[in-house]
Amino acid sequence: MKLIKGIYAIFLMIFSLRMFNPKKEFKNKRIAIIGAADSAFVEKNGTFIDGFDIVIRINKAPHAWNKEKTEFIGSKFTYLFHSFYENNYSGGGPIDWEYFDALGIEKVINPNYSKEGLITHLSYYKRHLLFRKTYMLSKENYRVLSNELDGFVPTIGYSTLAAVLQSACEEIFITGFTFFKTPYAKDYREELEDLEANKKHIEDQGLHNPGMEFEAFKNALKNSPCGNIHFDKELQKLLKTGSL
């Protein structure tokens, strides 16, 4: 039975998985990227965010969102970049298609095209046994965004930023990213809202390097073909001074 289930999951993945091409998808589009940091709640940008062509959110964002947060982070969901882990420890969050459809999420994208990312994606199909389109970045896109991280695994947040910055967008707005210099926003990962607890969690995992991601992000900004990129006040300050 386990073997049959595994074979069926492979079949589902072969016929359901699509490659996501950010350069094609994002060309000439106005894109807002909403991260998980508490900095997204410093300013009331909700109406502004909902006016973008594409609003991208990350991992647990659908489950952390409620109507009371709309004035800060809006209510529009276009794409969800997700690790395809659904356990609490990884931070991905449950993939609930009925709920995602109700929110208007058009595509759920796994940016990690690596051996581990492909195994994780296959494990998702083993759990769900559902014929449903899912997406991954191409191997080349993943190589470009991970190239500067010296072997560390990109976080989903950084992967999202890097993928969008590779494209010739008309405009990009970024909020909720402080590269772990401030806590998670309320309701996102309650066990890691304490900044020190989150730092320890990252160290214990040994997978990610936020400092290296911040430097890579700055390089991606310099090299982006999109000439109209702006940020929330906290990220502006971080880029200007290096600290918060």
C-alpha atoms as a PDB file:
ATOM      1  CA  MET A   1       0.000   0.000   0.000  1.00  0.00           C
ATOM      2  CA  LYS A   2       2.840   2.396   0.898  1.00  0.00           C
ATOM      3  CA  LEU A   3       4.578   1.621  -2.417  1.00  0.00           C
ATOM      4  CA  ILE A   4       1.384   2.220  -4.407  1.00  0.00           C
ATOM      5  CA  LYS A   5       0.841   5.514  -2.587  1.00  0.00           C
ATOM      6  CA  GLY A   6       4.409   6.596  -3.388  1.00  0.00           C
ATOM      7  CA  ILE A   7       4.049   5.711  -7.070  1.00  0.00           C
ATOM      8  CA  TYR A   8       0.748   7.573  -7.261  1.00  0.00           C
ATOM      9  CA  ALA A   9       2.347  10.636  -5.618  1.00  0.00           C
ATOM     10  CA  ILE A  10       5.115  10.591  -8.255  1.00  0.00           C
ATOM     11  CA  PHE A  11       2.447  10.384 -10.979  1.00  0.00           C
ATOM     12  CA  LEU A  12       0.591  13.339  -9.447  1.00  0.00           C
ATOM     13  CA  MET A  13       3.734  15.410  -9.187  1.00  0.00           C
ATOM     14  CA  ILE A  14       4.792  14.697 -12.785  1.00  0.00           C
ATOM     15  CA  PHE A  15       1.439  15.776 -14.180  1.00  0.00           C
ATOM     16  CA  SER A  16       0.597  18.573 -11.716  1.00  0.00           C
ATOM     17  CA  LEU A  17       3.877  20.417 -11.167  1.00  0.00           C
ATOM     18  CA  ARG A  18       4.603  23.418 -13.384  1.00  0.00           C
ATOM     19  CA  MET A  19       7.686  25.623 -13.637  1.00  0.00           C
ATOM     20  CA  PHE A  20       7.154  29.242 -12.615  1.00  0.00           C
ATOM     21  CA  ASN A  21       9.016  31.798 -14.715  1.00  0.00           C
ATOM     22  CA  PRO A  22       9.283  35.086 -12.769  1.00  0.00           C
ATOM     23  CA  LYS A  23      10.716  37.024 -15.703  1.00  0.00           C
ATOM     24  CA  LYS A  24       7.640  36.163 -17.764  1.00  0.00           C
ATOM     25  CA  GLU A  25       5.055  36.360 -14.965  1.00  0.00           C
ATOM     26  CA  PHE A  26       6.260  39.663 -13.516  1.00  0.00           C
ATOM     27  CA  LYS A  27       7.290  41.601 -16.628  1.00  0.00           C
ATOM     28  CA  ASN A  28       5.745  45.091 -16.671  1.00  0.00           C
ATOM     29  CA  LYS A  29       3.664  44.309 -13.574  1.00  0.00           C
ATOM     30  CA  ARG A  30       3.288  46.311 -10.359  1.00  0.00           C
ATOM     31  CA  ILE A  31       4.154  43.907  -7.536  1.00  0.00           C
ATOM     32  CA  ALA A  32       3.843  44.150  -3.746  1.00  0.00           C
ATOM     33  CA  ILE A  33       5.718  41.641  -1.580  1.00  0.00           C
ATOM     34  CA  ILE A  34       4.516  41.255   1.997  1.00  0.00           C
ATOM     35  CA  GLY A  35       6.900  39.622   4.450  1.00  0.00           C
ATOM     36  CA  ALA A  36       6.372  38.234   7.937  1.00  0.00           C
ATOM     37  CA  ALA A  37       8.226  40.826  10.031  1.00  0.00           C
ATOM     38  CA  ASP A  38       6.412  43.156  12.420  1.00  0.00           C
ATOM     39  CA  SER A  39       7.602  46.118  10.327  1.00  0.00           C
ATOM     40  CA  ALA A  40       4.625  45.530   8.015  1.00  0.00           C
ATOM     41  CA  PHE A  41       2.441  46.944  10.794  1.00  0.00           C
ATOM     42  CA  VAL A  42       4.220  50.248  11.336  1.00  0.00           C
ATOM     43  CA  GLU A  43       2.356  52.000   8.513  1.00  0.00           C
ATOM     44  CA  LYS A  44      -1.181  51.625   7.204  1.00  0.00           C
ATOM     45  CA  ASN A  45      -0.369  50.567   3.634  1.00  0.00           C
ATOM     46  CA  GLY A  46      -3.343  48.254   3.069  1.00  0.00           C
ATOM     47  CA  THR A  47      -5.173  50.244   0.385  1.00  0.00           C
ATOM     48  CA  PHE A  48      -1.885  50.981  -1.376  1.00  0.00           C
ATOM     49  CA  ILE A  49      -0.923  47.266  -1.364  1.00  0.00           C
ATOM     50  CA  ASP A  50      -4.280  46.122  -2.725  1.00  0.00           C
ATOM     51  CA  GLY A  51      -3.848  48.459  -5.702  1.00  0.00           C
ATOM     52  CA  PHE A  52      -0.926  46.446  -7.096  1.00  0.00           C
ATOM     53  CA  ASP A  53      -1.363  44.025 -10.001  1.00  0.00           C
ATOM     54  CA  ILE A  54       0.202  41.173  -8.037  1.00  0.00           C
ATOM     55  CA  VAL A  55       0.421  40.807  -4.262  1.00  0.00           C
ATOM     56  CA  ILE A  56       2.799  38.094  -3.092  1.00  0.00           C
ATOM     57  CA  ARG A  57       2.690  36.677   0.425  1.00  0.00           C
ATOM     58  CA  ILE A  58       4.783  34.029   2.131  1.00  0.00           C
ATOM     59  CA  ASN A  59       4.315  30.685   3.953  1.00  0.00           C
ATOM     60  CA  LYS A  60       1.854  31.111   6.850  1.00  0.00           C
ATOM     61  CA  ALA A  61       0.547  34.476   5.651  1.00  0.00           C
ATOM     62  CA  PRO A  62      -2.985  33.201   4.825  1.00  0.00           C
ATOM     63  CA  HIS A  63      -3.359  31.716   8.293  1.00  0.00           C
ATOM     64  CA  ALA A  64      -1.947  34.785  10.060  1.00  0.00           C
ATOM     65  CA  TRP A  65      -4.174  37.217   8.147  1.00  0.00           C
ATOM     66  CA  ASN A  66      -7.526  38.520   9.371  1.00  0.00           C
ATOM     67  CA  LYS A  67      -9.773  41.433   8.367  1.00  0.00           C
ATOM     68  CA  GLU A  68      -8.532  43.579  11.242  1.00  0.00           C
ATOM     69  CA  LYS A  69      -5.077  43.640   9.587  1.00  0.00           C
ATOM     70  CA  THR A  70      -6.368  44.885   6.230  1.00  0.00           C
ATOM     71  CA  GLU A  71      -5.585  48.552   6.864  1.00  0.00           C
ATOM     72  CA  PHE A  72      -1.919  47.655   7.360  1.00  0.00           C
ATOM     73  CA  ILE A  73      -1.244  44.827   4.900  1.00  0.00           C
ATOM     74  CA  GLY A  74      -4.294  44.745   2.639  1.00  0.00           C
ATOM     75  CA  SER A  75      -6.493  41.791   1.747  1.00  0.00           C
ATOM     76  CA  LYS A  76      -5.347  40.884  -1.748  1.00  0.00           C
ATOM     77  CA  PHE A  77      -3.669  37.513  -2.272  1.00  0.00           C
ATOM     78  CA  THR A  78      -2.358  36.693  -5.747  1.00  0.00           C
ATOM     79  CA  TYR A  79       0.594  34.350  -5.266  1.00  0.00           C
ATOM     80  CA  LEU A  80       1.848  32.475  -2.215  1.00  0.00           C
ATOM     81  CA  PHE A  81       5.524  31.486  -2.046  1.00  0.00           C
ATOM     82  CA  HIS A  82       5.629  28.450   0.245  1.00  0.00           C
ATOM     83  CA  SER A  83       8.246  25.928   1.420  1.00  0.00           C
ATOM     84  CA  PHE A  84       5.756  23.038   1.004  1.00  0.00           C
ATOM     85  CA  TYR A  85       6.627  21.945   4.525  1.00  0.00           C
ATOM     86  CA  GLU A  86       3.445  21.864   6.575  1.00  0.00           C
ATOM     87  CA  ASN A  87       4.824  21.177  10.036  1.00  0.00           C
ATOM     88  CA  ASN A  88       5.058  23.815  12.767  1.00  0.00           C
ATOM     89  CA  TYR A  89       8.836  23.671  13.045  1.00  0.00           C
ATOM     90  CA  SER A  90       9.539  24.687   9.457  1.00  0.00           C
ATOM     91  CA  GLY A  91       7.138  27.633   9.358  1.00  0.00           C
ATOM     92  CA  GLY A  92       5.495  26.723   6.071  1.00  0.00           C
ATOM     93  CA  GLY A  93       1.972  26.304   7.387  1.00  0.00           C
ATOM     94  CA  PRO A  94      -0.913  24.116   6.190  1.00  0.00           C
ATOM     95  CA  ILE A  95      -1.709  24.047   2.485  1.00  0.00           C
ATOM     96  CA  ASP A  96      -5.498  24.397   2.594  1.00  0.00           C
ATOM     97  CA  TRP A  97      -6.767  24.689  -0.970  1.00  0.00           C
ATOM     98  CA  GLU A  98     -10.354  25.517  -0.055  1.00  0.00           C
ATOM     99  CA  TYR A  99      -9.191  28.405   2.118  1.00  0.00           C
ATOM    100  CA  PHE A 100      -6.592  29.524  -0.419  1.00  0.00           C
ATOM    101  CA  ASP A 101      -9.228  29.589  -3.147  1.00  0.00           C
ATOM    102  CA  ALA A 102     -11.496  31.696  -0.940  1.00  0.00           C
ATOM    103  CA  LEU A 103      -8.675  34.218  -0.458  1.00  0.00           C
ATOM    104  CA  GLY A 104      -8.086  34.384  -4.211  1.00  0.00           C
ATOM    105  CA  ILE A 105      -4.640  32.779  -4.245  1.00  0.00           C
ATOM    106  CA  GLU A 106      -3.942  31.889  -7.870  1.00  0.00           C
ATOM    107  CA  LYS A 107      -0.652  30.015  -7.548  1.00  0.00           C
ATOM    108  CA  VAL A 108       1.329  28.398  -4.729  1.00  0.00           C
ATOM    109  CA  ILE A 109       5.024  28.408  -5.577  1.00  0.00           C
ATOM    110  CA  ASN A 110       7.921  26.491  -4.053  1.00  0.00           C
ATOM    111  CA  PRO A 111      11.056  28.526  -4.868  1.00  0.00           C
ATOM    112  CA  ASN A 112      13.539  25.876  -3.716  1.00  0.00           C
ATOM    113  CA  TYR A 113      14.495  23.891  -6.804  1.00  0.00           C
ATOM    114  CA  SER A 114      17.060  21.652  -5.144  1.00  0.00           C
ATOM    115  CA  LYS A 115      17.234  17.971  -4.237  1.00  0.00           C
ATOM    116  CA  GLU A 116      15.709  18.783  -0.840  1.00  0.00           C
ATOM    117  CA  GLY A 117      13.082  21.031  -2.396  1.00  0.00           C
ATOM    118  CA  LEU A 118      11.991  18.348  -4.855  1.00  0.00           C
ATOM    119  CA  ILE A 119      11.782  15.742  -2.080  1.00  0.00           C
ATOM    120  CA  THR A 120       9.715  18.155   0.002  1.00  0.00           C
ATOM    121  CA  HIS A 121       7.405  18.757  -2.941  1.00  0.00           C
ATOM    122  CA  LEU A 122       6.967  15.012  -3.515  1.00  0.00           C
ATOM    123  CA  SER A 123       6.208  14.556   0.193  1.00  0.00           C
ATOM    124  CA  TYR A 124       3.425  17.125  -0.167  1.00  0.00           C
ATOM    125  CA  TYR A 125       1.831  14.980  -2.898  1.00  0.00           C
ATOM    126  CA  LYS A 126       2.226  11.870  -0.739  1.00  0.00           C
ATOM    127  CA  ARG A 127       0.329  13.611   2.059  1.00  0.00           C
ATOM    128  CA  HIS A 128      -2.445  15.038  -0.095  1.00  0.00           C
ATOM    129  CA  LEU A 129      -2.783  12.632  -3.072  1.00  0.00           C
ATOM    130  CA  LEU A 130      -4.526  15.448  -4.901  1.00  0.00           C
ATOM    131  CA  PHE A 131      -4.356  16.410  -8.566  1.00  0.00           C
ATOM    132  CA  ARG A 132      -3.779  20.123  -8.128  1.00  0.00           C
ATOM    133  CA  LYS A 133      -1.379  22.395 -10.005  1.00  0.00           C
ATOM    134  CA  THR A 134       1.580  23.539  -7.969  1.00  0.00           C
ATOM    135  CA  TYR A 135       4.612  25.521  -9.053  1.00  0.00           C
ATOM    136  CA  MET A 136       8.380  25.633  -8.583  1.00  0.00           C
ATOM    137  CA  LEU A 137      11.022  28.050  -9.760  1.00  0.00           C
ATOM    138  CA  SER A 138      13.212  26.605 -12.486  1.00  0.00           C
ATOM    139  CA  LYS A 139      16.606  25.175 -11.641  1.00  0.00           C
ATOM    140  CA  GLU A 140      18.249  28.188 -13.289  1.00  0.00           C
ATOM    141  CA  ASN A 141      16.168  30.711 -11.339  1.00  0.00           C
ATOM    142  CA  TYR A 142      17.003  28.931  -8.112  1.00  0.00           C
ATOM    143  CA  ARG A 143      20.703  28.833  -8.998  1.00  0.00           C
ATOM    144  CA  VAL A 144      20.754  32.598  -9.585  1.00  0.00           C
ATOM    145  CA  LEU A 145      19.017  33.483  -6.324  1.00  0.00           C
ATOM    146  CA  SER A 146      21.045  31.068  -4.195  1.00  0.00           C
ATOM    147  CA  ASN A 147      24.389  31.789  -5.823  1.00  0.00           C
ATOM    148  CA  GLU A 148      25.570  34.326  -3.241  1.00  0.00           C
ATOM    149  CA  LEU A 149      24.649  32.371  -0.129  1.00  0.00           C
ATOM    150  CA  ASP A 150      27.733  30.152   0.076  1.00  0.00           C
ATOM    151  CA  GLY A 151      25.801  26.914   0.474  1.00  0.00           C
ATOM    152  CA  PHE A 152      23.173  28.168   2.922  1.00  0.00           C
ATOM    153  CA  VAL A 153      19.540  27.398   2.058  1.00  0.00           C
ATOM    154  CA  PRO A 154      17.622  30.529   1.020  1.00  0.00           C
ATOM    155  CA  THR A 155      14.682  31.418   3.222  1.00  0.00           C
ATOM    156  CA  ILE A 156      11.348  31.575   1.412  1.00  0.00           C
ATOM    157  CA  GLY A 157      11.250  35.322   2.056  1.00  0.00           C
ATOM    158  CA  TYR A 158      14.643  35.952   0.472  1.00  0.00           C
ATOM    159  CA  SER A 159      13.821  33.608  -2.429  1.00  0.00           C
ATOM    160  CA  THR A 160      10.675  35.602  -3.116  1.00  0.00           C
ATOM    161  CA  LEU A 161      12.500  38.924  -3.097  1.00  0.00           C
ATOM    162  CA  ALA A 162      15.310  37.633  -5.320  1.00  0.00           C
ATOM    163  CA  ALA A 163      12.916  36.054  -7.825  1.00  0.00           C
ATOM    164  CA  VAL A 164      10.930  39.263  -8.221  1.00  0.00           C
ATOM    165  CA  LEU A 165      14.048  41.433  -8.430  1.00  0.00           C
ATOM    166  CA  GLN A 166      15.302  39.310 -11.349  1.00  0.00           C
ATOM    167  CA  SER A 167      12.375  40.489 -13.458  1.00  0.00           C
ATOM    168  CA  ALA A 168      11.644  43.658 -15.391  1.00  0.00           C
ATOM    169  CA  CYS A 169       8.709  44.726 -13.232  1.00  0.00           C
ATOM    170  CA  GLU A 170       7.114  48.119 -13.640  1.00  0.00           C
ATOM    171  CA  GLU A 171       7.176  48.713  -9.864  1.00  0.00           C
ATOM    172  CA  ILE A 172       7.971  46.797  -6.657  1.00  0.00           C
ATOM    173  CA  PHE A 173       6.887  47.614  -3.117  1.00  0.00           C
ATOM    174  CA  ILE A 174       8.442  45.636  -0.258  1.00  0.00           C
ATOM    175  CA  THR A 175       7.189  45.553   3.334  1.00  0.00           C
ATOM    176  CA  GLY A 176       7.569  43.192   6.292  1.00  0.00           C
ATOM    177  CA  PHE A 177      11.242  42.357   5.714  1.00  0.00           C
ATOM    178  CA  THR A 178      13.929  43.151   8.289  1.00  0.00           C
ATOM    179  CA  PHE A 179      16.138  40.082   7.815  1.00  0.00           C
ATOM    180  CA  PHE A 180      15.376  38.889  11.358  1.00  0.00           C
ATOM    181  CA  LYS A 181      16.476  42.147  12.988  1.00  0.00           C
ATOM    182  CA  THR A 182      12.939  42.547  14.362  1.00  0.00           C
ATOM    183  CA  PRO A 183      10.419  39.887  15.491  1.00  0.00           C
ATOM    184  CA  TYR A 184       7.794  38.118  13.439  1.00  0.00           C
ATOM    185  CA  ALA A 185       4.458  39.893  13.205  1.00  0.00           C
ATOM    186  CA  LYS A 186       1.743  38.827  15.629  1.00  0.00           C
ATOM    187  CA  ASP A 187      -0.017  35.538  14.769  1.00  0.00           C
ATOM    188  CA  TYR A 188       2.598  34.505  12.201  1.00  0.00           C
ATOM    189  CA  ARG A 189       4.839  32.298  14.344  1.00  0.00           C
ATOM    190  CA  GLU A 190       3.800  32.781  17.934  1.00  0.00           C
ATOM    191  CA  GLU A 191       6.551  30.529  19.283  1.00  0.00           C
ATOM    192  CA  LEU A 192       9.168  32.794  17.663  1.00  0.00           C
ATOM    193  CA  GLU A 193       7.785  36.289  18.266  1.00  0.00           C
ATOM    194  CA  ASP A 194      10.574  36.785  20.790  1.00  0.00           C
ATOM    195  CA  LEU A 195      13.588  38.005  18.813  1.00  0.00           C
ATOM    196  CA  GLU A 196      16.175  36.091  20.833  1.00  0.00           C
ATOM    197  CA  ALA A 197      14.166  32.861  20.585  1.00  0.00           C
ATOM    198  CA  ASN A 198      14.038  33.321  16.830  1.00  0.00           C
ATOM    199  CA  LYS A 199      17.798  33.922  16.582  1.00  0.00           C
ATOM    200  CA  LYS A 200      18.406  30.720  18.543  1.00  0.00           C
ATOM    201  CA  HIS A 201      15.988  28.837  16.289  1.00  0.00           C
ATOM    202  CA  ILE A 202      17.930  29.942  13.192  1.00  0.00           C
ATOM    203  CA  GLU A 203      21.253  28.996  14.795  1.00  0.00           C
ATOM    204  CA  ASP A 204      19.937  25.589  15.867  1.00  0.00           C
ATOM    205  CA  GLN A 205      18.637  24.862  12.360  1.00  0.00           C
ATOM    206  CA  GLY A 206      21.920  25.906  10.752  1.00  0.00           C
ATOM    207  CA  LEU A 207      20.223  26.191   7.361  1.00  0.00           C
ATOM    208  CA  HIS A 208      19.883  29.927   6.800  1.00  0.00           C
ATOM    209  CA  ASN A 209      22.142  32.951   7.064  1.00  0.00           C
ATOM    210  CA  PRO A 210      20.102  36.181   7.385  1.00  0.00           C
ATOM    211  CA  GLY A 211      23.189  38.422   7.314  1.00  0.00           C
ATOM    212  CA  MET A 212      24.355  36.897   4.052  1.00  0.00           C
ATOM    213  CA  GLU A 213      20.824  37.174   2.653  1.00  0.00           C
ATOM    214  CA  PHE A 214      20.747  40.884   3.498  1.00  0.00           C
ATOM    215  CA  GLU A 215      23.980  41.478   1.581  1.00  0.00           C
ATOM    216  CA  ALA A 216      22.694  39.401  -1.348  1.00  0.00           C
ATOM    217  CA  PHE A 217      19.430  41.372  -1.271  1.00  0.00           C
ATOM    218  CA  LYS A 218      21.329  44.647  -1.556  1.00  0.00           C
ATOM    219  CA  ASN A 219      23.211  43.271  -4.556  1.00  0.00           C
ATOM    220  CA  ALA A 220      19.940  42.128  -6.127  1.00  0.00           C
ATOM    221  CA  LEU A 221      18.555  45.654  -5.693  1.00  0.00           C
ATOM    222  CA  LYS A 222      21.560  47.152  -7.492  1.00  0.00           C
ATOM    223  CA  ASN A 223      21.313  44.696 -10.378  1.00  0.00           C
ATOM    224  CA  SER A 224      17.526  44.567 -10.756  1.00  0.00           C
ATOM    225  CA  PRO A 225      16.135  45.529 -14.169  1.00  0.00           C
ATOM    226  CA  CYS A 226      13.200  47.113 -12.318  1.00  0.00           C
ATOM    227  CA  GLY A 227      13.967  50.799 -11.837  1.00  0.00           C
ATOM    228  CA  ASN A 228      11.074  51.630  -9.521  1.00  0.00           C
ATOM    229  CA  ILE A 229      11.588  49.835  -6.197  1.00  0.00           C
ATOM    230  CA  HIS A 230      10.456  51.220  -2.857  1.00  0.00           C
ATOM    231  CA  PHE A 231      10.104  50.011   0.696  1.00  0.00           C
ATOM    232  CA  ASP A 232       8.360  50.508   4.009  1.00  0.00           C
ATOM    233  CA  LYS A 233      10.021  52.921   6.461  1.00  0.00           C
ATOM    234  CA  GLU A 234      11.722  50.206   8.508  1.00  0.00           C
ATOM    235  CA  LEU A 235      13.411  48.608   5.509  1.00  0.00           C
ATOM    236  CA  GLN A 236      14.410  52.043   4.226  1.00  0.00           C
ATOM    237  CA  LYS A 237      16.134  52.660   7.564  1.00  0.00           C
ATOM    238  CA  LEU A 238      17.793  49.244   7.542  1.00  0.00           C
ATOM    239  CA  LEU A 239      19.174  49.796   4.039  1.00  0.00           C
ATOM    240  CA  LYS A 240      20.432  53.253   4.978  1.00  0.00           C
ATOM    241  CA  THR A 241      21.991  52.496   8.379  1.00  0.00           C
ATOM    242  CA  GLY A 242      22.404  48.713   8.507  1.00  0.00           C
ATOM    243  CA  SER A 243      20.492  48.431  11.786  1.00  0.00           C
ATOM    244  CA  LEU A 244      17.106  48.967  13.427  1.00  0.00           C
END
